[in-house]
Amino acid sequence: MKTIVDSDVRVGDSLGTESELIQKFGVSRPTLRESLRILESQGVISMRPGPRGGIIVRRPNVDFVAHALSLYLRLNEVPFIEIVKARLEIEPSLAYSAAVFGTDEDFGEMQASIDRMKKIGGDPMEFASENRAFHACVAKASKSAVLETFWSVLAIVASGERHGMRYTEKNRRAIVDFHQQILNACRKRDGDLAAKLMKEHISELDHLLRTRFKELSREPADISARPS
């Protein structure tokens, strides 16, 4: 890992063949393969077979971090509701920054997400997916790479529909309305209002969990769960 980070290799570059790496580092083939297996599981490299293949450098995605965090939270019995609390801390800041730093293109993507949500019927998975898409647009518009990454990880871990969470038609209308208000505040460059609206929006999720999904709110987060 240190060799990859400290070198000038870029995503898509080849690190060479197994034989070349064995010679370079002076290790045995089993040791090298175990190291490569770990790096591949972390999304740092991919093993491309064939004459034009090799050990290729990849850009890791947030899935590895999300799985590690989910495992840590589950083994430490951290309840699902605590993740929502973390979102309450992060997402208002993202909304504030989106209002200050977001571009017209960012706002256009947010509006497109809202428009798609309005057309979705009663499919809970489709609605939940588009709901995350809007929040991802806000995170992207914030221009904060670190907070955007934190949000992306939490969004995966706090995916309530995996555990059976469903929104009523009233809930769906309220979500769409909040999204539009947040976008309107961003377009006005009113960071304080955007943050306030986002906090109210996430607080509604907190309330929903505590009232309609009490058992879910106390469950440890588990991204391996699948919707029933």
C-alpha atoms as a PDB file:
ATOM      1  CA  MET A   1       0.000   0.000   0.000  1.00  0.00           C
ATOM      2  CA  LYS A   2       2.760   2.468   0.990  1.00  0.00           C
ATOM      3  CA  THR A   3       4.540   1.799  -2.294  1.00  0.00           C
ATOM      4  CA  ILE A   4       1.410   2.668  -4.255  1.00  0.00           C
ATOM      5  CA  VAL A   5       0.637   5.820  -2.245  1.00  0.00           C
ATOM      6  CA  ASP A   6       4.202   7.129  -2.254  1.00  0.00           C
ATOM      7  CA  SER A   7       4.905   6.378  -5.911  1.00  0.00           C
ATOM      8  CA  ASP A   8       3.784   8.286  -8.997  1.00  0.00           C
ATOM      9  CA  VAL A   9       1.494   5.501 -10.244  1.00  0.00           C
ATOM     10  CA  ARG A  10      -2.005   6.577 -11.180  1.00  0.00           C
ATOM     11  CA  VAL A  11      -5.376   4.879 -11.336  1.00  0.00           C
ATOM     12  CA  GLY A  12      -5.318   2.509 -14.297  1.00  0.00           C
ATOM     13  CA  ASP A  13      -1.559   2.020 -14.231  1.00  0.00           C
ATOM     14  CA  SER A  14      -0.067  -1.460 -13.965  1.00  0.00           C
ATOM     15  CA  LEU A  15       2.188  -2.347 -11.060  1.00  0.00           C
ATOM     16  CA  GLY A  16       3.746  -5.077 -13.145  1.00  0.00           C
ATOM     17  CA  THR A  17       3.542  -8.833 -13.094  1.00  0.00           C
ATOM     18  CA  GLU A  18       3.833 -11.145 -10.104  1.00  0.00           C
ATOM     19  CA  SER A  19       7.327 -12.150 -11.194  1.00  0.00           C
ATOM     20  CA  GLU A  20       8.443  -8.524 -11.439  1.00  0.00           C
ATOM     21  CA  LEU A  21       7.044  -7.683  -7.985  1.00  0.00           C
ATOM     22  CA  ILE A  22       8.631 -10.778  -6.414  1.00  0.00           C
ATOM     23  CA  GLN A  23      11.991  -9.715  -7.764  1.00  0.00           C
ATOM     24  CA  LYS A  24      11.461  -6.079  -6.753  1.00  0.00           C
ATOM     25  CA  PHE A  25      10.472  -6.772  -3.137  1.00  0.00           C
ATOM     26  CA  GLY A  26      12.340 -10.013  -2.536  1.00  0.00           C
ATOM     27  CA  VAL A  27       9.342 -11.918  -1.194  1.00  0.00           C
ATOM     28  CA  SER A  28       7.935 -15.360  -1.877  1.00  0.00           C
ATOM     29  CA  ARG A  29       5.042 -15.894  -4.274  1.00  0.00           C
ATOM     30  CA  PRO A  30       2.592 -16.932  -1.468  1.00  0.00           C
ATOM     31  CA  THR A  31       3.476 -13.804   0.536  1.00  0.00           C
ATOM     32  CA  LEU A  32       3.000 -11.567  -2.497  1.00  0.00           C
ATOM     33  CA  ARG A  33      -0.312 -13.180  -3.427  1.00  0.00           C
ATOM     34  CA  GLU A  34      -1.654 -12.761   0.110  1.00  0.00           C
ATOM     35  CA  SER A  35      -0.664  -9.075   0.054  1.00  0.00           C
ATOM     36  CA  LEU A  36      -2.290  -8.609  -3.332  1.00  0.00           C
ATOM     37  CA  ARG A  37      -5.432 -10.363  -2.115  1.00  0.00           C
ATOM     38  CA  ILE A  38      -5.718  -7.902   0.778  1.00  0.00           C
ATOM     39  CA  LEU A  39      -5.195  -4.902  -1.507  1.00  0.00           C
ATOM     40  CA  GLU A  40      -7.773  -6.256  -3.945  1.00  0.00           C
ATOM     41  CA  SER A  41     -10.328  -6.717  -1.138  1.00  0.00           C
ATOM     42  CA  GLN A  42      -9.737  -3.077  -0.173  1.00  0.00           C
ATOM     43  CA  GLY A  43     -10.381  -1.921  -3.720  1.00  0.00           C
ATOM     44  CA  VAL A  44      -6.836  -0.624  -4.207  1.00  0.00           C
ATOM     45  CA  ILE A  45      -5.946  -2.965  -7.087  1.00  0.00           C
ATOM     46  CA  SER A  46      -7.589  -5.342  -9.517  1.00  0.00           C
ATOM     47  CA  MET A  47      -6.120  -8.473 -11.072  1.00  0.00           C
ATOM     48  CA  ARG A  48      -6.608  -8.362 -14.820  1.00  0.00           C
ATOM     49  CA  PRO A  49      -5.925 -11.674 -16.571  1.00  0.00           C
ATOM     50  CA  GLY A  50      -4.557 -12.078 -20.072  1.00  0.00           C
ATOM     51  CA  PRO A  51      -1.494 -10.945 -21.993  1.00  0.00           C
ATOM     52  CA  ARG A  52      -2.473  -7.263 -21.666  1.00  0.00           C
ATOM     53  CA  GLY A  53      -3.530  -7.597 -18.056  1.00  0.00           C
ATOM     54  CA  GLY A  54      -1.607  -7.408 -14.830  1.00  0.00           C
ATOM     55  CA  ILE A  55      -1.990  -5.851 -11.413  1.00  0.00           C
ATOM     56  CA  ILE A  56      -3.902  -2.626 -12.022  1.00  0.00           C
ATOM     57  CA  VAL A  57      -4.208   0.304  -9.617  1.00  0.00           C
ATOM     58  CA  ARG A  58      -7.820   1.217  -8.834  1.00  0.00           C
ATOM     59  CA  ARG A  59      -9.515   4.118  -7.088  1.00  0.00           C
ATOM     60  CA  PRO A  60     -11.073   2.682  -3.900  1.00  0.00           C
ATOM     61  CA  ASN A  61     -14.747   3.460  -3.346  1.00  0.00           C
ATOM     62  CA  VAL A  62     -16.592   4.020  -0.088  1.00  0.00           C
ATOM     63  CA  ASP A  63     -18.051   0.493   0.034  1.00  0.00           C
ATOM     64  CA  PHE A  64     -14.970  -0.882   1.774  1.00  0.00           C
ATOM     65  CA  VAL A  65     -15.133   1.848   4.442  1.00  0.00           C
ATOM     66  CA  ALA A  66     -18.886   1.328   4.851  1.00  0.00           C
ATOM     67  CA  HIS A  67     -18.475  -2.425   5.352  1.00  0.00           C
ATOM     68  CA  ALA A  68     -15.710  -1.874   7.902  1.00  0.00           C
ATOM     69  CA  LEU A  69     -17.760   0.729   9.781  1.00  0.00           C
ATOM     70  CA  SER A  70     -20.872  -1.456   9.689  1.00  0.00           C
ATOM     71  CA  LEU A  71     -18.924  -4.364  11.150  1.00  0.00           C
ATOM     72  CA  TYR A  72     -17.411  -2.158  13.854  1.00  0.00           C
ATOM     73  CA  LEU A  73     -20.787  -0.666  14.820  1.00  0.00           C
ATOM     74  CA  ARG A  74     -22.509  -4.041  14.813  1.00  0.00           C
ATOM     75  CA  LEU A  75     -19.872  -5.748  16.965  1.00  0.00           C
ATOM     76  CA  ASN A  76     -20.029  -2.809  19.383  1.00  0.00           C
ATOM     77  CA  GLU A  77     -23.850  -2.927  19.341  1.00  0.00           C
ATOM     78  CA  VAL A  78     -24.211   0.694  18.258  1.00  0.00           C
ATOM     79  CA  PRO A  79     -27.918   1.182  17.452  1.00  0.00           C
ATOM     80  CA  PHE A  80     -29.170   2.350  14.079  1.00  0.00           C
ATOM     81  CA  ILE A  81     -30.567   5.565  15.586  1.00  0.00           C
ATOM     82  CA  GLU A  82     -27.039   6.733  16.446  1.00  0.00           C
ATOM     83  CA  ILE A  83     -26.194   6.831  12.749  1.00  0.00           C
ATOM     84  CA  VAL A  84     -29.148   9.117  12.143  1.00  0.00           C
ATOM     85  CA  LYS A  85     -27.800  11.365  14.890  1.00  0.00           C
ATOM     86  CA  ALA A  86     -24.494  11.503  13.020  1.00  0.00           C
ATOM     87  CA  ARG A  87     -26.347  12.548   9.885  1.00  0.00           C
ATOM     88  CA  LEU A  88     -27.972  15.318  11.925  1.00  0.00           C
ATOM     89  CA  GLU A  89     -24.495  16.688  12.582  1.00  0.00           C
ATOM     90  CA  ILE A  90     -23.087  16.295   9.080  1.00  0.00           C
ATOM     91  CA  GLU A  91     -25.893  17.010   6.622  1.00  0.00           C
ATOM     92  CA  PRO A  92     -26.810  20.555   7.772  1.00  0.00           C
ATOM     93  CA  SER A  93     -23.155  21.488   7.260  1.00  0.00           C
ATOM     94  CA  LEU A  94     -23.267  19.977   3.780  1.00  0.00           C
ATOM     95  CA  ALA A  95     -26.446  21.913   2.971  1.00  0.00           C
ATOM     96  CA  TYR A  96     -24.870  25.151   4.208  1.00  0.00           C
ATOM     97  CA  SER A  97     -21.797  24.624   2.044  1.00  0.00           C
ATOM     98  CA  ALA A  98     -23.938  23.599  -0.934  1.00  0.00           C
ATOM     99  CA  ALA A  99     -25.737  26.945  -0.730  1.00  0.00           C
ATOM    100  CA  VAL A 100     -22.420  28.804  -0.568  1.00  0.00           C
ATOM    101  CA  PHE A 101     -20.316  26.814  -3.040  1.00  0.00           C
ATOM    102  CA  GLY A 102     -22.799  24.934  -5.215  1.00  0.00           C
ATOM    103  CA  THR A 103     -22.943  25.653  -8.933  1.00  0.00           C
ATOM    104  CA  ASP A 104     -25.914  26.029 -11.250  1.00  0.00           C
ATOM    105  CA  GLU A 105     -25.079  22.564 -12.545  1.00  0.00           C
ATOM    106  CA  ASP A 106     -25.270  21.167  -9.007  1.00  0.00           C
ATOM    107  CA  PHE A 107     -28.627  22.829  -8.453  1.00  0.00           C
ATOM    108  CA  GLY A 108     -29.856  21.472 -11.779  1.00  0.00           C
ATOM    109  CA  GLU A 109     -28.967  17.931 -10.648  1.00  0.00           C
ATOM    110  CA  MET A 110     -30.817  18.490  -7.380  1.00  0.00           C
ATOM    111  CA  GLN A 111     -33.907  19.692  -9.241  1.00  0.00           C
ATOM    112  CA  ALA A 112     -33.761  16.730 -11.614  1.00  0.00           C
ATOM    113  CA  SER A 113     -33.746  14.396  -8.610  1.00  0.00           C
ATOM    114  CA  ILE A 114     -36.768  16.157  -7.132  1.00  0.00           C
ATOM    115  CA  ASP A 115     -38.610  15.920 -10.447  1.00  0.00           C
ATOM    116  CA  ARG A 116     -37.885  12.189 -10.632  1.00  0.00           C
ATOM    117  CA  MET A 117     -39.123  11.668  -7.084  1.00  0.00           C
ATOM    118  CA  LYS A 118     -42.434  13.310  -7.937  1.00  0.00           C
ATOM    119  CA  LYS A 119     -42.986  10.704 -10.661  1.00  0.00           C
ATOM    120  CA  ILE A 120     -42.180   7.662  -8.550  1.00  0.00           C
ATOM    121  CA  GLY A 121     -45.193   5.645  -7.487  1.00  0.00           C
ATOM    122  CA  GLY A 122     -45.294   3.364  -4.476  1.00  0.00           C
ATOM    123  CA  ASP A 123     -42.051   1.498  -5.121  1.00  0.00           C
ATOM    124  CA  PRO A 124     -40.223   1.925  -1.774  1.00  0.00           C
ATOM    125  CA  MET A 125     -36.813   0.908  -3.086  1.00  0.00           C
ATOM    126  CA  GLU A 126     -36.959   3.258  -6.060  1.00  0.00           C
ATOM    127  CA  PHE A 127     -38.068   6.134  -3.836  1.00  0.00           C
ATOM    128  CA  ALA A 128     -35.361   5.425  -1.249  1.00  0.00           C
ATOM    129  CA  SER A 129     -32.735   5.266  -3.989  1.00  0.00           C
ATOM    130  CA  GLU A 130     -33.778   8.629  -5.406  1.00  0.00           C
ATOM    131  CA  ASN A 131     -33.938  10.079  -1.921  1.00  0.00           C
ATOM    132  CA  ARG A 132     -30.267   9.168  -1.450  1.00  0.00           C
ATOM    133  CA  ALA A 133     -29.499  10.569  -4.899  1.00  0.00           C
ATOM    134  CA  PHE A 134     -30.745  14.005  -3.828  1.00  0.00           C
ATOM    135  CA  HIS A 135     -28.680  13.960  -0.655  1.00  0.00           C
ATOM    136  CA  ALA A 136     -25.673  12.834  -2.693  1.00  0.00           C
ATOM    137  CA  CYS A 137     -26.198  15.880  -4.933  1.00  0.00           C
ATOM    138  CA  VAL A 138     -26.183  18.133  -1.865  1.00  0.00           C
ATOM    139  CA  ALA A 139     -23.004  16.490  -0.590  1.00  0.00           C
ATOM    140  CA  LYS A 140     -21.346  16.912  -3.990  1.00  0.00           C
ATOM    141  CA  ALA A 141     -22.429  20.561  -4.189  1.00  0.00           C
ATOM    142  CA  SER A 142     -20.791  21.248  -0.815  1.00  0.00           C
ATOM    143  CA  LYS A 143     -17.338  20.883  -2.414  1.00  0.00           C
ATOM    144  CA  SER A 144     -16.128  19.262   0.806  1.00  0.00           C
ATOM    145  CA  ALA A 145     -14.432  16.018  -0.186  1.00  0.00           C
ATOM    146  CA  VAL A 146     -14.045  14.820   3.405  1.00  0.00           C
ATOM    147  CA  LEU A 147     -17.629  15.496   4.517  1.00  0.00           C
ATOM    148  CA  GLU A 148     -18.958  14.114   1.231  1.00  0.00           C
ATOM    149  CA  THR A 149     -17.063  10.888   1.911  1.00  0.00           C
ATOM    150  CA  PHE A 150     -18.373  10.731   5.483  1.00  0.00           C
ATOM    151  CA  TRP A 151     -21.914  11.231   4.188  1.00  0.00           C
ATOM    152  CA  SER A 152     -21.486   8.550   1.524  1.00  0.00           C
ATOM    153  CA  VAL A 153     -20.393   6.017   4.135  1.00  0.00           C
ATOM    154  CA  LEU A 154     -23.219   6.899   6.519  1.00  0.00           C
ATOM    155  CA  ALA A 155     -25.754   6.770   3.685  1.00  0.00           C
ATOM    156  CA  ILE A 156     -24.784   3.169   2.984  1.00  0.00           C
ATOM    157  CA  VAL A 157     -24.744   2.136   6.637  1.00  0.00           C
ATOM    158  CA  ALA A 158     -27.996   3.998   7.428  1.00  0.00           C
ATOM    159  CA  SER A 159     -29.954   2.512   4.557  1.00  0.00           C
ATOM    160  CA  GLY A 160     -33.223   1.864   6.397  1.00  0.00           C
ATOM    161  CA  GLU A 161     -35.048   0.169   3.535  1.00  0.00           C
ATOM    162  CA  ARG A 162     -32.591  -2.736   3.808  1.00  0.00           C
ATOM    163  CA  HIS A 163     -34.144  -3.413   7.199  1.00  0.00           C
ATOM    164  CA  GLY A 164     -37.757  -3.028   6.095  1.00  0.00           C
ATOM    165  CA  MET A 165     -38.279   0.696   6.642  1.00  0.00           C
ATOM    166  CA  ARG A 166     -41.009   2.104   4.381  1.00  0.00           C
ATOM    167  CA  TYR A 167     -42.396   5.592   3.752  1.00  0.00           C
ATOM    168  CA  THR A 168     -46.116   6.329   3.563  1.00  0.00           C
ATOM    169  CA  GLU A 169     -47.482   8.544   0.797  1.00  0.00           C
ATOM    170  CA  LYS A 170     -47.628  11.397   3.322  1.00  0.00           C
ATOM    171  CA  ASN A 171     -43.971  10.801   4.223  1.00  0.00           C
ATOM    172  CA  ARG A 172     -42.992  10.815   0.556  1.00  0.00           C
ATOM    173  CA  ARG A 173     -44.762  14.112  -0.107  1.00  0.00           C
ATOM    174  CA  ALA A 174     -43.087  15.674   2.924  1.00  0.00           C
ATOM    175  CA  ILE A 175     -39.656  14.499   1.758  1.00  0.00           C
ATOM    176  CA  VAL A 176     -40.140  15.939  -1.724  1.00  0.00           C
ATOM    177  CA  ASP A 177     -41.311  19.225  -0.198  1.00  0.00           C
ATOM    178  CA  PHE A 178     -38.268  19.419   2.076  1.00  0.00           C
ATOM    179  CA  HIS A 179     -35.953  18.718  -0.838  1.00  0.00           C
ATOM    180  CA  GLN A 180     -37.500  21.537  -2.860  1.00  0.00           C
ATOM    181  CA  GLN A 181     -37.235  23.968   0.044  1.00  0.00           C
ATOM    182  CA  ILE A 182     -33.592  23.048   0.600  1.00  0.00           C
ATOM    183  CA  LEU A 183     -32.836  23.561  -3.082  1.00  0.00           C
ATOM    184  CA  ASN A 184     -34.645  26.913  -3.098  1.00  0.00           C
ATOM    185  CA  ALA A 185     -32.540  28.044  -0.140  1.00  0.00           C
ATOM    186  CA  CYS A 186     -29.368  26.913  -1.941  1.00  0.00           C
ATOM    187  CA  ARG A 187     -30.317  28.866  -5.049  1.00  0.00           C
ATOM    188  CA  LYS A 188     -30.809  31.951  -2.893  1.00  0.00           C
ATOM    189  CA  ARG A 189     -27.338  31.330  -1.418  1.00  0.00           C
ATOM    190  CA  ASP A 190     -28.910  31.263   2.037  1.00  0.00           C
ATOM    191  CA  GLY A 191     -26.664  28.792   3.831  1.00  0.00           C
ATOM    192  CA  ASP A 192     -28.273  29.271   7.237  1.00  0.00           C
ATOM    193  CA  LEU A 193     -31.740  28.501   5.883  1.00  0.00           C
ATOM    194  CA  ALA A 194     -30.503  25.505   3.893  1.00  0.00           C
ATOM    195  CA  ALA A 195     -28.824  24.096   7.023  1.00  0.00           C
ATOM    196  CA  LYS A 196     -31.935  24.731   9.129  1.00  0.00           C
ATOM    197  CA  LEU A 197     -34.193  22.990   6.617  1.00  0.00           C
ATOM    198  CA  MET A 198     -31.839  20.034   6.308  1.00  0.00           C
ATOM    199  CA  LYS A 199     -31.739  19.632  10.092  1.00  0.00           C
ATOM    200  CA  GLU A 200     -35.543  19.647  10.203  1.00  0.00           C
ATOM    201  CA  HIS A 201     -35.612  17.145   7.348  1.00  0.00           C
ATOM    202  CA  ILE A 202     -33.275  14.662   9.051  1.00  0.00           C
ATOM    203  CA  SER A 203     -35.070  15.238  12.369  1.00  0.00           C
ATOM    204  CA  GLU A 204     -38.225  13.940  10.692  1.00  0.00           C
ATOM    205  CA  LEU A 205     -36.376  10.700   9.950  1.00  0.00           C
ATOM    206  CA  ASP A 206     -35.265  10.540  13.570  1.00  0.00           C
ATOM    207  CA  HIS A 207     -38.880  11.011  14.700  1.00  0.00           C
ATOM    208  CA  LEU A 208     -40.132   8.389  12.233  1.00  0.00           C
ATOM    209  CA  LEU A 209     -37.659   5.836  13.547  1.00  0.00           C
ATOM    210  CA  ARG A 210     -38.545   6.530  17.168  1.00  0.00           C
ATOM    211  CA  THR A 211     -42.304   6.283  16.588  1.00  0.00           C
ATOM    212  CA  ARG A 212     -43.072   3.871  13.733  1.00  0.00           C
ATOM    213  CA  PHE A 213     -39.863   1.833  13.637  1.00  0.00           C
ATOM    214  CA  LYS A 214     -38.830   1.554  17.284  1.00  0.00           C
ATOM    215  CA  GLU A 215     -37.296  -1.885  16.872  1.00  0.00           C
ATOM    216  CA  LEU A 216     -35.251  -0.784  13.873  1.00  0.00           C
ATOM    217  CA  SER A 217     -33.964   2.278  15.718  1.00  0.00           C
ATOM    218  CA  ARG A 218     -32.480   0.019  18.409  1.00  0.00           C
ATOM    219  CA  GLU A 219     -30.970  -2.526  16.024  1.00  0.00           C
ATOM    220  CA  PRO A 220     -27.240  -2.415  15.264  1.00  0.00           C
ATOM    221  CA  ALA A 221     -26.568  -1.175  11.744  1.00  0.00           C
ATOM    222  CA  ASP A 222     -25.984  -3.994   9.280  1.00  0.00           C
ATOM    223  CA  ILE A 223     -25.454  -3.265   5.576  1.00  0.00           C
ATOM    224  CA  SER A 224     -25.616  -6.968   4.810  1.00  0.00           C
ATOM    225  CA  ALA A 225     -29.355  -6.863   5.569  1.00  0.00           C
ATOM    226  CA  ARG A 226     -31.646  -7.040   2.592  1.00  0.00           C
ATOM    227  CA  PRO A 227     -35.182  -5.758   2.196  1.00  0.00           C
ATOM    228  CA  SER A 228     -37.900  -8.321   2.810  1.00  0.00           C
END
